Amino acid sequence: MHTIQLKLNDNGRGAFVIEEGNENNLTVFHTHVDDKLKGQGVASELLSTMVAYARANNKKVIALCPYVGAQFKRHPEQYADIWNQTWHS
């Protein structure tokens, strides 16, 4: 049996999570860039910030977001340390 916890941020948003041992998963559902910011590298900045957070906090990323998933697949060597590729199997 797994332990399921509700984790909320200061705004009351969050998720139910299952943590196995020392491996914590960070599920990325969506990367949103406002229309007026598109084409300025903002999605890349969001990805870089998320990756830095995952590394600093020993998280494994479950990439449900199409953009993040595509970047992870395009550059697997860059994200091998944080990409939870076994989650879908």
Protein backbone atom coordinates (compact mmCIF):
# COMPACT_ATOMS: atom_id res chain seq x y z
CA MET A 1 0.00 0.00 0.00
CA HIS A 2 1.30 3.45 -0.91
CA THR A 3 1.01 6.56 1.22
CA ILE A 4 -0.91 9.28 -0.61
CA GLN A 5 -0.42 12.87 0.52
CA LEU A 6 -2.10 16.11 -0.46
CA LYS A 7 0.46 18.88 -0.99
CA LEU A 8 -0.76 22.44 -1.45
CA ASN A 9 1.07 25.66 -2.26
CA ASP A 10 0.33 29.03 -0.64
CA ASN A 11 -2.50 29.65 -3.13
CA GLY A 12 -4.26 26.43 -2.20
CA ARG A 13 -3.30 24.68 -5.44
CA GLY A 14 -1.62 21.34 -5.38
CA ALA A 15 -1.85 17.67 -6.06
CA PHE A 16 -2.15 14.29 -4.44
CA VAL A 17 1.25 12.61 -4.55
CA ILE A 18 2.75 9.22 -3.88
CA GLU A 19 6.38 9.28 -2.81
CA GLU A 20 8.38 6.08 -3.06
CA GLY A 21 11.51 6.06 -0.91
CA ASN A 22 13.61 9.11 -1.68
CA GLU A 23 12.22 9.49 -5.19
CA ASN A 24 9.71 12.30 -5.40
CA ASN A 25 7.88 12.87 -8.64
CA LEU A 26 7.07 16.26 -10.10
CA THR A 27 4.29 15.95 -12.68
CA VAL A 28 4.31 18.65 -15.35
CA PHE A 29 0.88 18.91 -16.97
CA HIS A 30 1.10 22.07 -19.05
CA THR A 31 3.43 24.87 -20.08
CA HIS A 32 1.44 27.99 -20.87
CA VAL A 33 2.83 31.06 -22.61
CA ASP A 34 0.57 34.06 -23.18
CA ASP A 35 0.07 34.93 -26.86
CA LYS A 36 1.86 38.26 -26.52
CA LEU A 37 4.99 36.46 -25.21
CA LYS A 38 5.15 33.71 -27.83
CA GLY A 39 8.30 33.51 -29.92
CA GLN A 40 10.43 35.12 -27.20
CA GLY A 41 11.87 31.97 -25.63
CA VAL A 42 9.56 32.09 -22.62
CA ALA A 43 8.64 28.38 -22.82
CA SER A 44 12.34 27.55 -22.79
CA GLU A 45 12.82 29.74 -19.71
CA LEU A 46 9.93 27.99 -17.97
CA LEU A 47 11.45 24.61 -18.82
CA SER A 48 14.88 25.67 -17.54
CA THR A 49 13.38 26.94 -14.27
CA MET A 50 11.41 23.72 -13.75
CA VAL A 51 14.49 21.60 -14.49
CA ALA A 52 16.60 23.61 -12.03
CA TYR A 53 13.89 23.18 -9.37
CA ALA A 54 13.67 19.43 -10.00
CA ARG A 55 17.44 19.04 -9.69
CA ALA A 56 17.71 21.20 -6.58
CA ASN A 57 14.91 19.26 -4.88
CA ASN A 58 15.83 15.74 -6.05
CA LYS A 59 12.63 15.37 -8.07
CA LYS A 60 11.95 13.05 -10.99
CA VAL A 61 9.79 14.66 -13.69
CA ILE A 62 6.74 12.98 -15.16
CA ALA A 63 6.36 14.89 -18.42
CA LEU A 64 2.66 14.93 -19.30
CA CYS A 65 3.02 18.34 -20.93
CA PRO A 66 3.51 17.90 -24.71
CA TYR A 67 6.19 20.61 -24.83
CA VAL A 68 8.21 19.23 -21.93
CA GLY A 69 7.82 15.68 -23.23
CA ALA A 70 9.04 16.73 -26.67
CA GLN A 71 12.07 18.52 -25.21
CA PHE A 72 12.94 15.53 -23.03
CA LYS A 73 12.68 13.18 -26.03
CA ARG A 74 14.66 15.54 -28.27
CA HIS A 75 17.48 15.94 -25.71
CA PRO A 76 17.39 12.86 -23.46
CA GLU A 77 21.01 13.27 -22.39
CA GLN A 78 20.22 16.71 -20.92
CA TYR A 79 17.37 15.43 -18.78
CA ALA A 80 18.33 11.81 -17.99
CA ASP A 81 18.95 12.63 -14.32
CA ILE A 82 15.44 14.00 -13.72
CA TRP A 83 13.24 12.33 -16.36
CA ASN A 84 11.00 9.61 -14.93
CA GLN A 85 10.68 7.53 -18.09
CA THR A 86 9.34 4.46 -16.31
CA TRP A 87 6.18 6.09 -14.99
CA HIS A 88 4.12 5.20 -18.09
CA SER A 89 5.34 1.61 -18.32
